[in-house]
């Protein structure tokens, strides 16, 4: 009898939270430093289109480093904190561009596109927020759901830094160090 109850509890946990059992496979599938960044085309709340190619245009020569903050509705406040702090650091640096990508696939059915766009415009964040309606970019970048995911991408579309989690001064410093290292490498070459 006790074994049957135990098996029932395990099955219930798996059905309620399958992510708990797939976490290790997510870790194996994470992108690595040096991997090619997936190209994307997304629109912001104003329907302006952005693509990885246009952001890091080799013809312009300005943007050397792209910082992406990717998350979903559960990480919005943390992502906003990252965006604000990164903007403070890099506001006047033409060679660094910062974008947020919002994974919107988990929104309730009654939240309309116009509601999302209105709310995004209302926040008035210092960096553009690109709207990933079907979560495609999150899948391509193999992000961790429920976490803010941060990527530093260079002009060759290579991932130079990846981290996830809460905003902390230590995490910001680590991202800043990797960003500066990448800029120095580009200036030296």
Protein backbone atom coordinates (compact mmCIF):
# COMPACT_ATOMS: atom_id res chain seq x y z
CA UNK A 1 0.00 0.00 0.00
CA UNK A 2 2.76 2.45 0.94
CA UNK A 3 4.67 1.72 -2.29
CA UNK A 4 1.53 2.44 -4.34
CA UNK A 5 1.06 5.81 -2.63
CA UNK A 6 4.73 6.67 -3.20
CA UNK A 7 4.50 5.81 -6.93
CA UNK A 8 1.30 7.85 -7.22
CA UNK A 9 3.02 10.87 -5.61
CA UNK A 10 6.02 10.59 -7.97
CA UNK A 11 3.76 10.37 -11.02
CA UNK A 12 1.73 13.35 -9.80
CA UNK A 13 4.87 15.44 -9.33
CA UNK A 14 6.06 14.54 -12.81
CA UNK A 15 2.71 15.46 -14.37
CA UNK A 16 2.48 18.72 -12.45
CA UNK A 17 6.11 19.78 -12.94
CA UNK A 18 7.86 17.97 -15.81
CA UNK A 19 10.54 20.68 -15.82
CA UNK A 20 11.89 19.33 -12.53
CA UNK A 21 12.79 16.09 -14.31
CA UNK A 22 14.20 17.71 -17.46
CA UNK A 23 16.46 20.29 -15.81
CA UNK A 24 19.64 18.27 -16.34
CA UNK A 25 18.95 17.89 -20.06
CA UNK A 26 18.47 21.67 -20.29
CA UNK A 27 21.91 22.20 -18.79
CA UNK A 28 23.52 19.92 -21.41
CA UNK A 29 21.81 21.78 -24.23
CA UNK A 30 22.89 25.31 -23.21
CA UNK A 31 24.77 27.34 -25.79
CA UNK A 32 28.46 27.64 -25.11
CA UNK A 33 30.92 30.49 -25.38
CA UNK A 34 32.05 30.62 -29.01
CA UNK A 35 28.83 29.14 -30.42
CA UNK A 36 27.24 30.95 -33.33
CA UNK A 37 24.36 33.21 -32.27
CA UNK A 38 21.12 32.43 -34.06
CA UNK A 39 19.91 35.16 -36.36
CA UNK A 40 16.48 36.61 -35.72
CA UNK A 41 13.96 39.12 -36.99
CA UNK A 42 11.53 40.53 -34.40
CA UNK A 43 9.36 43.59 -33.95
CA UNK A 44 9.00 45.90 -30.98
CA UNK A 45 5.75 47.32 -29.57
CA UNK A 46 5.78 50.03 -32.27
CA UNK A 47 6.05 47.38 -35.03
CA UNK A 48 9.60 48.46 -35.87
CA UNK A 49 11.52 45.48 -37.17
CA UNK A 50 14.94 44.50 -35.84
CA UNK A 51 17.26 41.75 -36.98
CA UNK A 52 20.59 40.52 -35.71
CA UNK A 53 22.10 41.49 -39.08
CA UNK A 54 20.83 45.06 -38.87
CA UNK A 55 21.83 45.54 -35.24
CA UNK A 56 25.37 44.33 -35.88
CA UNK A 57 25.87 45.77 -39.33
CA UNK A 58 29.42 45.25 -40.53
CA UNK A 59 28.86 48.05 -43.03
CA UNK A 60 28.20 50.64 -40.32
CA UNK A 61 31.05 49.55 -38.11
CA UNK A 62 29.54 51.09 -34.95
CA UNK A 63 28.18 48.16 -32.95
CA UNK A 64 30.95 45.84 -31.79
CA UNK A 65 29.00 44.11 -29.03
CA UNK A 66 25.33 43.24 -28.64
CA UNK A 67 23.92 42.48 -25.19
CA UNK A 68 20.64 40.57 -25.15
CA UNK A 69 18.48 40.23 -22.04
CA UNK A 70 15.98 37.45 -22.75
CA UNK A 71 13.14 36.41 -20.46
CA UNK A 72 9.43 35.84 -20.06
CA UNK A 73 6.62 37.45 -18.05
CA UNK A 74 7.87 35.82 -14.84
CA UNK A 75 11.26 37.55 -15.19
CA UNK A 76 10.00 40.94 -16.38
CA UNK A 77 10.98 42.92 -13.26
CA UNK A 78 14.42 41.33 -13.13
CA UNK A 79 14.91 41.89 -16.87
CA UNK A 80 13.87 45.52 -16.48
CA UNK A 81 16.46 45.93 -13.73
CA UNK A 82 19.13 44.49 -16.01
CA UNK A 83 18.10 46.82 -18.85
CA UNK A 84 18.19 49.92 -16.66
CA UNK A 85 21.58 49.10 -15.14
CA UNK A 86 23.12 48.17 -18.49
CA UNK A 87 21.78 51.38 -19.99
CA UNK A 88 23.42 53.39 -17.20
CA UNK A 89 26.74 51.73 -17.97
CA UNK A 90 26.63 51.86 -21.76
CA UNK A 91 24.26 54.68 -22.68
CA UNK A 92 26.94 56.74 -24.42
CA UNK A 93 28.81 53.83 -26.00
CA UNK A 94 27.97 53.54 -29.70
CA UNK A 95 29.86 50.28 -29.97
CA UNK A 96 27.52 48.51 -27.51
CA UNK A 97 23.87 47.87 -28.23
CA UNK A 98 21.38 46.47 -25.69
CA UNK A 99 18.05 44.79 -26.42
CA UNK A 100 15.51 42.85 -24.41
CA UNK A 101 13.61 39.94 -25.94
CA UNK A 102 10.28 39.02 -24.33
CA UNK A 103 9.14 35.40 -24.61
CA UNK A 104 5.37 35.81 -24.88
CA UNK A 105 4.28 32.24 -25.54
CA UNK A 106 3.10 31.65 -21.96
CA UNK A 107 0.63 34.51 -21.83
CA UNK A 108 -2.98 33.73 -20.88
CA UNK A 109 -5.35 33.50 -23.84
CA UNK A 110 -7.20 36.68 -22.83
CA UNK A 111 -4.07 38.88 -23.03
CA UNK A 112 -4.21 40.39 -26.48
CA UNK A 113 -1.39 41.65 -28.67
CA UNK A 114 -2.60 45.21 -28.28
CA UNK A 115 -2.58 44.85 -24.48
CA UNK A 116 1.04 43.65 -24.56
CA UNK A 117 2.11 46.46 -26.88
CA UNK A 118 0.32 49.06 -24.76
CA UNK A 119 1.95 47.77 -21.57
CA UNK A 120 5.38 47.63 -23.19
CA UNK A 121 5.11 51.21 -24.44
CA UNK A 122 3.90 52.35 -21.03
CA UNK A 123 6.99 50.98 -19.26
CA UNK A 124 9.29 53.34 -21.20
CA UNK A 125 12.41 51.28 -20.68
CA UNK A 126 15.68 52.71 -21.98
CA UNK A 127 16.29 49.79 -24.37
CA UNK A 128 14.07 48.31 -27.08
CA UNK A 129 11.96 45.31 -26.12
CA UNK A 130 11.51 42.85 -28.97
CA UNK A 131 8.39 40.70 -28.86
CA UNK A 132 8.88 36.96 -29.39
CA UNK A 133 5.26 35.84 -29.71
CA UNK A 134 5.91 32.13 -30.23
CA UNK A 135 9.10 31.73 -28.16
CA UNK A 136 11.20 30.87 -31.22
CA UNK A 137 14.19 32.99 -30.18
CA UNK A 138 14.12 31.52 -26.69
CA UNK A 139 14.26 28.06 -28.22
CA UNK A 140 17.08 28.99 -30.61
CA UNK A 141 19.13 30.51 -27.79
CA UNK A 142 18.21 27.63 -25.47
CA UNK A 143 17.30 29.96 -22.65
CA UNK A 144 16.23 28.89 -19.20
CA UNK A 145 12.55 29.55 -18.66
CA UNK A 146 11.77 31.57 -15.56
CA UNK A 147 15.24 33.15 -15.59
CA UNK A 148 16.71 36.30 -17.11
CA UNK A 149 19.20 35.11 -19.73
CA UNK A 150 22.06 37.40 -20.74
CA UNK A 151 24.14 37.06 -23.89
CA UNK A 152 27.08 39.08 -25.17
CA UNK A 153 27.43 38.65 -28.94
CA UNK A 154 30.31 40.00 -31.04
CA UNK A 155 30.46 41.29 -34.62
CA UNK A 156 31.13 37.80 -35.93
CA UNK A 157 27.85 36.64 -34.35
CA UNK A 158 29.71 34.57 -31.77
CA UNK A 159 28.47 34.25 -28.21
CA UNK A 160 31.16 35.70 -25.95
CA UNK A 161 29.30 35.47 -22.65
CA UNK A 162 26.22 33.74 -21.34
CA UNK A 163 24.70 33.84 -17.88
CA UNK A 164 21.27 33.62 -16.32
CA UNK A 165 19.63 34.64 -13.10
CA UNK A 166 18.83 37.58 -10.90
CA UNK A 167 20.39 40.97 -11.23
CA UNK A 168 23.19 41.33 -8.70
CA UNK A 169 26.18 43.68 -8.68
CA UNK A 170 28.43 40.60 -9.00
CA UNK A 171 26.58 39.33 -12.09
CA UNK A 172 26.65 42.81 -13.60
CA UNK A 173 30.40 43.05 -13.00
CA UNK A 174 30.99 39.66 -14.67
CA UNK A 175 29.01 40.77 -17.74
CA UNK A 176 30.84 44.11 -17.78
CA UNK A 177 34.26 42.40 -17.66
CA UNK A 178 33.39 40.11 -20.59
CA UNK A 179 31.97 43.01 -22.59
CA UNK A 180 35.13 45.10 -22.04
CA UNK A 181 37.38 42.13 -22.89
CA UNK A 182 35.54 41.70 -26.15
CA UNK A 183 35.84 45.40 -27.01
CA UNK A 184 39.58 45.34 -26.29
CA UNK A 185 40.02 42.29 -28.52
CA UNK A 186 38.24 44.04 -31.37
CA UNK A 187 40.30 47.22 -31.02
CA UNK A 188 43.54 45.23 -30.98
CA UNK A 189 42.71 43.34 -34.17
